[in-house]
Protein backbone atom coordinates (compact mmCIF):
# COMPACT_ATOMS: atom_id res chain seq x y z
CA MET A 1 -80.29 203.53 47.66
CA SER A 2 -77.57 206.56 47.77
CA GLY A 3 -73.27 206.14 48.89
CA ASN A 4 -71.95 202.48 49.02
CA VAL A 5 -74.49 200.49 50.93
CA THR A 6 -75.80 197.50 48.54
CA LEU A 7 -79.12 196.07 49.59
CA LYS A 8 -79.49 192.81 49.91
CA SER A 9 -81.03 191.94 46.64
CA GLU A 10 -78.63 193.59 44.90
CA MET A 11 -75.81 191.76 46.18
CA PRO A 12 -73.50 189.70 43.39
CA ALA A 13 -74.31 185.84 42.78
CA VAL A 14 -71.22 183.94 43.57
CA THR A 15 -70.01 182.97 40.34
CA ALA A 16 -67.11 180.34 41.16
CA SER A 17 -65.24 178.79 44.29
CA GLY A 18 -61.69 179.96 44.53
CA LEU A 19 -62.26 182.91 41.97
CA ASP A 20 -61.77 180.12 38.86
CA ASN A 21 -62.35 181.69 35.30
CA VAL A 22 -63.29 185.24 37.03
CA VAL A 23 -60.89 187.67 35.27
CA ALA A 24 -59.21 189.98 37.54
CA ALA A 25 -56.95 192.01 35.53
CA GLU A 26 -55.87 192.46 32.06
CA THR A 27 -52.07 191.87 31.55
CA ALA A 28 -49.44 191.67 29.05
CA LEU A 29 -47.23 189.83 30.86
CA SER A 30 -48.35 186.07 30.83
CA HIS A 31 -50.84 183.57 29.41
CA VAL A 32 -51.56 180.33 30.56
CA ASP A 33 -53.41 178.35 28.32
CA GLY A 34 -54.53 174.56 30.20
CA GLU A 35 -55.95 172.97 27.15
CA ALA A 36 -52.96 173.24 25.32
CA GLY A 37 -50.87 173.02 27.49
CA ARG A 38 -48.70 176.22 26.84
CA LEU A 39 -47.15 179.16 28.44
CA ILE A 40 -46.66 182.73 26.61
CA VAL A 41 -44.08 184.78 28.98
CA ALA A 42 -43.41 188.36 27.61
CA GLY A 43 -44.43 187.39 24.27
CA TYR A 44 -42.61 184.59 23.89
CA ASP A 45 -43.69 180.86 24.32
CA VAL A 46 -41.90 179.75 27.80
CA GLU A 47 -39.70 177.25 25.62
CA GLU A 48 -38.33 180.04 23.29
CA LEU A 49 -37.82 182.78 26.02
CA VAL A 50 -35.32 180.24 27.70
CA LYS A 51 -33.18 179.93 24.51
CA ALA A 52 -33.43 183.74 23.50
CA HIS A 53 -32.36 184.79 27.34
CA ASP A 54 -30.61 184.29 30.49
CA PHE A 55 -32.68 185.54 33.68
CA GLU A 56 -31.41 188.98 33.49
CA GLY A 57 -32.85 189.18 30.03
CA ALA A 58 -36.19 187.86 31.05
CA VAL A 59 -36.43 189.98 33.81
CA ALA A 60 -35.40 193.15 31.14
CA ALA A 61 -38.51 191.41 28.73
CA LEU A 62 -40.93 191.35 31.67
CA TRP A 63 -40.43 194.73 33.15
CA ALA A 64 -40.83 196.02 29.26
CA ALA A 65 -43.93 194.32 29.12
CA ALA A 66 -45.19 196.11 32.33
CA GLY A 67 -44.62 199.67 30.57
CA LEU A 68 -41.59 200.32 32.46
CA GLU A 69 -40.15 203.57 30.92
CA PRO A 70 -37.44 203.50 30.30
CA ALA A 71 -37.36 200.01 29.80
CA PRO A 72 -33.84 198.95 31.01
CA SER A 73 -31.87 196.50 28.79
CA ALA A 74 -30.51 192.96 29.58
CA ALA A 75 -27.10 194.53 30.90
CA GLU A 76 -27.96 197.21 32.86
CA ILE A 77 -30.50 194.56 34.86
CA ARG A 78 -27.02 192.41 35.34
CA ASN A 79 -25.24 195.58 36.67
CA ALA A 80 -28.28 196.90 38.81
CA LEU A 81 -28.62 193.26 40.40
CA GLY A 82 -24.77 193.26 41.08
CA ARG A 83 -25.25 196.32 42.95
CA ALA A 84 -28.19 194.97 44.58
CA ARG A 85 -26.70 192.04 45.95
CA GLU A 86 -23.77 194.04 47.05
CA ALA A 87 -26.50 196.02 48.98
CA ALA A 88 -28.13 193.33 50.69
CA PHE A 89 -24.89 191.85 51.90
CA GLY A 90 -24.81 194.52 54.15
CA TYR A 91 -28.07 193.22 56.07
CA ILE A 92 -26.76 189.55 56.44
CA PRO A 93 -25.42 189.96 60.06
CA ALA A 94 -28.23 191.40 61.50
CA LEU A 95 -30.47 188.98 59.91
CA LEU A 96 -28.79 185.74 60.73
CA SER A 97 -27.98 187.24 64.41
CA SER A 98 -31.96 187.77 65.14
CA LYS A 99 -32.66 184.28 64.87
CA ARG A 100 -36.28 184.96 63.95
CA HIS A 101 -37.24 182.30 61.82
CA GLU A 102 -37.55 178.48 61.83
CA THR A 103 -37.00 177.70 57.88
CA VAL A 104 -35.11 179.27 54.82
CA THR A 105 -38.92 180.68 53.57
CA GLU A 106 -39.38 182.42 57.20
CA GLY A 107 -35.83 183.94 56.98
CA LEU A 108 -36.23 185.38 53.52
CA ARG A 109 -39.29 186.57 54.60
CA THR A 110 -37.59 188.37 56.93
CA GLY A 111 -34.81 189.62 55.27
CA LEU A 112 -36.80 191.00 52.24
CA SER A 113 -38.88 192.74 55.01
CA MET A 114 -35.46 194.66 56.01
CA LEU A 115 -35.70 196.47 52.61
CA ALA A 116 -37.43 200.19 52.20
CA ASP A 117 -40.24 200.57 50.15
CA GLU A 118 -38.40 203.48 48.58
CA PRO A 119 -34.88 202.68 48.79
CA GLY A 120 -32.73 205.97 49.50
CA GLU A 121 -29.01 206.29 47.32
CA ASP A 122 -26.73 205.04 49.53
CA ALA A 123 -23.45 203.78 48.45
CA ALA A 124 -23.97 200.51 47.27
CA ASP A 125 -27.11 201.74 45.15
CA ARG A 126 -26.93 204.93 43.95
CA ASP A 127 -25.64 203.44 40.42
CA ILE A 128 -28.86 201.89 40.00
CA PRO A 129 -31.48 203.72 38.05
CA ALA A 130 -34.31 205.24 40.46
CA HIS A 131 -37.15 203.72 38.56
CA ILE A 132 -35.84 200.24 38.75
CA ARG A 133 -34.41 200.60 42.22
CA ALA A 134 -36.95 198.99 44.35
CA PRO A 135 -37.33 196.04 42.07
CA VAL A 136 -33.89 195.34 41.72
CA SER A 137 -33.39 195.29 45.63
CA ALA A 138 -35.39 192.52 46.10
CA LEU A 139 -34.23 190.59 43.43
CA GLY A 140 -30.66 190.80 44.62
CA ALA A 141 -31.43 190.45 47.90
CA ALA A 142 -33.49 187.35 47.53
CA ALA A 143 -30.51 185.30 46.26
CA VAL A 144 -28.02 187.11 48.84
CA ILE A 145 -30.11 186.19 51.72
CA THR A 146 -31.35 182.65 50.42
CA ALA A 147 -27.74 181.38 50.27
CA ALA A 148 -26.84 182.86 53.61
CA LEU A 149 -29.55 181.15 54.98
CA VAL A 150 -28.59 177.97 53.51
CA ARG A 151 -24.96 178.12 54.51
CA ALA A 152 -25.84 179.41 58.23
CA GLU A 153 -28.18 176.07 58.24
CA ALA A 154 -24.99 174.25 57.54
CA GLY A 155 -23.04 175.79 60.46
CA LYS A 156 -20.99 177.94 57.70
CA SER A 157 -20.16 181.44 56.86
CA PRO A 158 -21.85 183.69 54.49
CA VAL A 159 -20.22 184.49 51.10
CA ALA A 160 -19.90 188.01 49.60
CA PRO A 161 -21.26 188.19 46.08
CA ASN A 162 -19.33 189.33 43.01
CA ARG A 163 -21.22 191.85 41.36
CA HIS A 164 -19.49 191.16 38.08
CA ARG A 165 -20.86 187.97 37.92
CA GLY A 166 -24.51 186.83 36.56
CA HIS A 167 -27.26 186.40 38.81
CA ALA A 168 -27.76 183.28 38.50
CA GLU A 169 -24.04 182.15 38.31
CA ASP A 170 -23.12 184.12 41.79
CA PHE A 171 -26.27 182.75 43.64
CA ILE A 172 -24.69 179.27 43.26
CA ARG A 173 -21.21 180.64 44.09
CA MET A 174 -22.32 182.12 46.98
CA LEU A 175 -24.39 178.88 47.94
CA ARG A 176 -21.26 176.84 47.78
CA GLY A 177 -18.22 178.96 48.24
CA GLU A 178 -17.02 178.09 44.56
CA ALA A 179 -17.25 178.83 41.41
CA PRO A 180 -20.21 176.51 39.59
CA ALA A 181 -19.69 174.51 36.32
CA ALA A 182 -21.36 176.11 32.95
CA ALA A 183 -23.71 173.46 32.88
CA GLU A 184 -24.78 174.46 36.41
CA VAL A 185 -25.55 178.01 35.52
CA GLU A 186 -27.25 177.25 32.67
CA ALA A 187 -29.75 174.94 33.98
CA LEU A 188 -30.27 177.52 36.90
CA ASN A 189 -31.09 180.16 34.39
CA ALA A 190 -33.23 177.93 32.25
CA TYR A 191 -34.84 177.00 35.71
CA MET A 192 -36.00 180.80 36.52
CA VAL A 193 -36.54 182.29 33.53
CA THR A 194 -39.29 179.41 33.43
CA VAL A 195 -40.80 180.22 36.27
CA ALA A 196 -40.38 183.92 35.86
CA ASP A 197 -44.34 184.37 35.70
CA HIS A 198 -47.42 182.46 35.42
CA GLY A 199 -50.37 183.98 34.94
CA MET A 200 -52.78 185.39 37.96
CA ASN A 201 -51.65 182.78 40.75
CA ALA A 202 -52.31 183.11 44.14
CA SER A 203 -49.06 184.82 45.02
CA THR A 204 -49.31 187.20 42.14
CA PHE A 205 -52.73 187.94 42.86
CA THR A 206 -51.29 189.13 46.30
CA ALA A 207 -48.71 191.34 44.98
CA ARG A 208 -51.40 193.02 43.30
CA VAL A 209 -53.90 193.31 45.63
CA ILE A 210 -51.30 194.93 48.24
CA ALA A 211 -49.90 197.25 44.92
CA SER A 212 -53.12 198.25 44.26
CA THR A 213 -53.28 200.20 47.79
CA LYS A 214 -49.65 201.70 46.90
CA ALA A 215 -47.99 200.34 49.91
CA GLY A 216 -45.09 199.71 47.57
CA THR A 217 -42.82 197.14 45.69
CA ILE A 218 -41.30 195.91 48.89
CA SER A 219 -44.43 195.49 50.76
CA ALA A 220 -46.09 193.64 47.71
CA VAL A 221 -43.19 191.21 47.47
CA VAL A 222 -43.10 190.20 51.13
CA GLY A 223 -47.31 189.17 50.92
CA ALA A 224 -46.41 187.50 47.81
CA LEU A 225 -44.10 185.65 49.32
CA CYS A 226 -46.57 184.85 52.10
CA ALA A 227 -48.86 183.50 49.72
CA LEU A 228 -46.10 181.54 48.11
CA LYS A 229 -45.13 179.66 51.58
CA GLY A 230 -48.47 177.79 51.58
CA PRO A 231 -48.20 174.16 50.84
CA LEU A 232 -50.90 174.23 48.20
CA HIS A 233 -49.04 176.80 45.97
CA GLY A 234 -45.36 176.66 46.61
CA GLY A 235 -44.72 173.24 48.38
CA ALA A 236 -44.49 170.57 45.96
CA PRO A 237 -41.08 169.63 45.20
CA GLY A 238 -39.90 168.41 48.56
CA PRO A 239 -42.20 166.09 49.05
CA VAL A 240 -41.59 164.80 45.08
CA LEU A 241 -38.04 163.82 46.27
CA ASP A 242 -39.67 162.38 49.73
CA MET A 243 -41.51 159.88 47.06
CA LEU A 244 -38.41 158.84 45.09
CA ASP A 245 -36.85 158.22 48.55
CA GLU A 246 -39.60 156.35 49.61
CA ILE A 247 -39.74 154.34 46.42
CA GLY A 248 -36.02 153.53 46.88
CA THR A 249 -35.14 151.01 44.00
CA ARG A 250 -36.35 150.13 40.86
CA GLU A 251 -37.83 146.99 41.67
CA ASN A 252 -40.14 148.97 44.20
CA ILE A 253 -41.55 151.58 41.71
CA GLU A 254 -44.47 149.24 40.53
CA PRO A 255 -45.64 147.76 43.62
CA TRP A 256 -45.28 151.18 45.44
CA LEU A 257 -47.29 153.04 42.88
CA GLU A 258 -49.85 150.15 42.95
CA ARG A 259 -50.11 150.80 46.84
CA LYS A 260 -50.30 154.10 46.88
CA ILE A 261 -52.92 154.59 43.91
CA ALA A 262 -55.31 152.06 45.65
CA GLY A 263 -54.95 153.81 48.46
CA GLY A 264 -56.46 157.09 46.93
CA ALA A 265 -53.26 158.81 47.57
CA ARG A 266 -52.00 161.93 45.72
CA LEU A 267 -48.56 161.35 43.68
CA MET A 268 -46.95 164.49 43.69
CA GLY A 269 -45.69 165.81 40.48
CA PHE A 270 -48.28 164.55 38.64
CA GLY A 271 -51.72 167.00 37.57
CA HIS A 272 -52.22 170.30 37.69
CA ARG A 273 -55.09 172.66 38.65
CA VAL A 274 -54.60 174.67 35.11
CA TYR A 275 -52.75 172.32 32.91
CA ARG A 276 -55.16 169.61 31.03
CA VAL A 277 -51.84 167.91 29.32
CA ARG A 278 -48.41 167.91 29.55
CA ASP A 279 -46.94 171.44 31.80
CA PRO A 280 -44.80 172.89 29.40
CA ARG A 281 -42.46 174.12 32.03
CA ALA A 282 -41.71 170.28 32.99
CA ASP A 283 -40.58 169.87 29.22
CA VAL A 284 -37.90 172.96 29.92
CA PHE A 285 -37.02 171.40 33.14
CA ASN A 286 -36.40 167.86 31.48
CA LYS A 287 -33.84 169.56 28.89
CA ALA A 288 -32.20 171.43 31.90
CA VAL A 289 -31.57 168.18 33.98
CA THR A 290 -30.47 166.50 30.93
CA ILE A 291 -27.80 169.29 30.39
CA LEU A 292 -26.77 169.67 34.20
CA THR A 293 -26.35 165.97 34.93
CA ASN A 294 -25.19 163.97 31.82
CA GLY A 295 -26.32 160.68 32.82
CA ASN A 296 -26.94 160.94 36.63
CA GLU A 297 -28.10 157.66 38.34
CA ARG A 298 -30.78 159.67 40.25
CA VAL A 299 -32.27 161.41 36.87
CA ARG A 300 -32.16 158.12 34.96
CA PHE A 301 -34.47 156.74 38.24
CA ALA A 302 -36.76 159.58 38.45
CA ARG A 303 -37.45 159.22 34.77
CA GLU A 304 -38.38 155.55 35.50
CA VAL A 305 -40.58 156.92 38.13
CA GLU A 306 -42.32 159.34 35.89
CA LEU A 307 -42.88 156.81 33.13
CA ALA A 308 -44.37 154.07 35.42
CA ALA A 309 -46.65 156.57 37.51
CA LEU A 310 -48.49 157.84 34.54
CA LYS A 311 -49.28 154.39 33.17
CA ALA A 312 -50.29 153.63 36.60
CA LEU A 313 -52.35 156.57 36.78
CA ARG A 314 -53.88 156.42 33.23
CA ALA A 315 -54.69 152.87 34.01
CA ALA A 316 -56.64 153.75 37.35
CA LYS A 317 -58.04 156.90 35.42
CA PRO A 318 -59.06 155.74 32.32
CA GLY A 319 -60.26 159.08 30.56
CA HIS A 320 -58.48 161.63 32.72
CA ARG A 321 -55.53 163.44 31.10
CA ILE A 322 -53.12 163.21 33.62
CA ASP A 323 -48.97 164.33 33.04
CA THR A 324 -46.19 165.56 34.76
CA ASN A 325 -46.16 168.83 36.21
CA MET A 326 -43.18 171.04 36.44
CA GLU A 327 -42.61 170.54 40.29
CA TYR A 328 -41.67 166.71 39.88
CA TYR A 329 -38.56 167.57 37.17
CA THR A 330 -37.77 171.04 39.62
CA ALA A 331 -37.14 168.33 42.78
CA VAL A 332 -34.83 166.46 40.63
CA LEU A 333 -33.20 170.02 38.93
CA LEU A 334 -32.67 171.69 42.26
CA GLU A 335 -31.78 168.67 44.23
CA ALA A 336 -28.77 167.96 41.51
CA LEU A 337 -27.68 171.49 42.04
CA GLY A 338 -27.45 170.93 45.69
CA ILE A 339 -30.29 173.13 46.93
CA PRO A 340 -31.39 171.72 50.33
CA ARG A 341 -35.36 170.62 50.00
CA ASP A 342 -36.31 173.43 52.75
CA ALA A 343 -34.83 176.37 50.39
CA VAL A 344 -36.58 175.28 47.46
CA THR A 345 -39.10 177.66 47.87
CA SER A 346 -37.00 180.51 48.53
CA VAL A 347 -35.18 180.07 45.14
CA PHE A 348 -38.29 179.80 43.31
CA ALA A 349 -39.35 182.86 44.99
CA MET A 350 -35.71 184.35 43.47
CA ALA A 351 -37.20 183.98 40.41
CA ARG A 352 -40.68 184.13 40.92
CA ILE A 353 -39.80 188.05 42.25
CA ALA A 354 -39.25 189.11 38.55
CA GLY A 355 -42.62 188.40 37.31
CA TRP A 356 -44.16 189.94 40.97
CA THR A 357 -42.39 193.02 40.75
CA ALA A 358 -43.50 193.37 36.78
CA HIS A 359 -47.34 192.89 38.09
CA VAL A 360 -47.00 195.35 40.70
CA MET A 361 -45.92 198.14 38.11
CA GLU A 362 -48.60 196.93 35.67
CA GLN A 363 -51.19 197.31 38.54
CA GLU A 364 -49.51 200.64 39.51
CA ARG A 365 -50.30 201.83 35.83
CA VAL A 366 -53.98 200.96 36.17
CA GLY A 367 -54.05 203.26 39.47
CA ARG A 368 -57.45 201.34 40.89
CA LEU A 369 -57.79 199.63 44.60
CA ILE A 370 -58.81 196.07 44.14
CA ARG A 371 -61.47 195.72 46.04
CA PRO A 372 -63.98 192.91 45.34
CA GLN A 373 -67.38 192.14 46.79
CA SER A 374 -68.58 189.41 49.32
CA ARG A 375 -71.92 187.98 49.57
CA TYR A 376 -73.08 187.46 53.19
CA VAL A 377 -74.58 184.43 54.32
CA GLY A 378 -74.71 184.88 57.97
CA HIS A 379 -77.52 185.48 60.04
CA TRP A 380 -79.38 188.71 59.57
CA PRO A 381 -80.99 190.72 62.66
CA GLU A 382 -84.37 189.51 64.37
CA GLY A 383 -87.50 190.32 62.11
CA GLU A 384 -85.21 190.78 58.87
CA ALA A 385 -85.17 188.14 56.29
CA ALA A 386 -82.68 187.52 53.70
CA ALA A 387 -83.74 188.92 49.96
């Protein structure tokens, strides 16, 4: 049969529910080895990437791995992000006055959609090289918008960015209205570098599908954020803190865990769909929390809960390897930085935009529309049997 028509007998079989184990793209950006508990990002083990680079350096490494030419240096990324934050601050009055959002993440979605897919050379961004203007505008805007929305929820006015500061440092400063401690900047940099990219997850795949249509970088980022806000993808850290609050005291840890596990409840922050051993990102965050809190009581309590939960889960499910995932220490880390629970997904997106935009660059180089097949399982017209 000619053309694009496919006969019933020619339809491909469904290989996996949720596309598990289906290779959707070739990428030089990141590799997730769930069996070994290993994450490689832009040629680095994630633990080494955190040691080698701050967020700006990680962005430069990712975009270079994506084939961006000329590849910007970390210093060029730092300067461009500062300019982009300044440009984004001009959108804040309109965003806050619109009140067309219920949550910080919805507000971030609205704010990002105000950006142009092909930003022009206005006074604020004319010094940003044209080939990185769109991805840098998304990265810069996400930090400015998130900080302004959090302050607005608290009844406070937005704080203007300082383009001479590093991205992580300036975000905390815009969030609080005062300069952060060096340990806080180091901890947030570690967090943002670690979550910048993570294989072909749902939001990254969404970004690549949109990029394959040539819709533009900002459209791909907004679509990826919409996928991220779903509770099965980006919503776990808040419930981790709810769990810690509900447990409350050291004396209640074991009884609470026994009740929940016996009742079949899922413990937030434990287990991962991909990692069969400990999530390597959890180790990075654990160290960042240690640097940040210097023996904070909340962190000690979280660690006691973690050890007790792992012991209880392994006793309840012998033969199953269950480890702490990155959401657990993400929750504790971001709480210690003063980031409210309803802003956790937006702060995650602030970092993951680095990876989303790198995948957009990579997909645009491929230049082919992503258009998978489906298998029809509905009713056939009367008198016609399925093959």
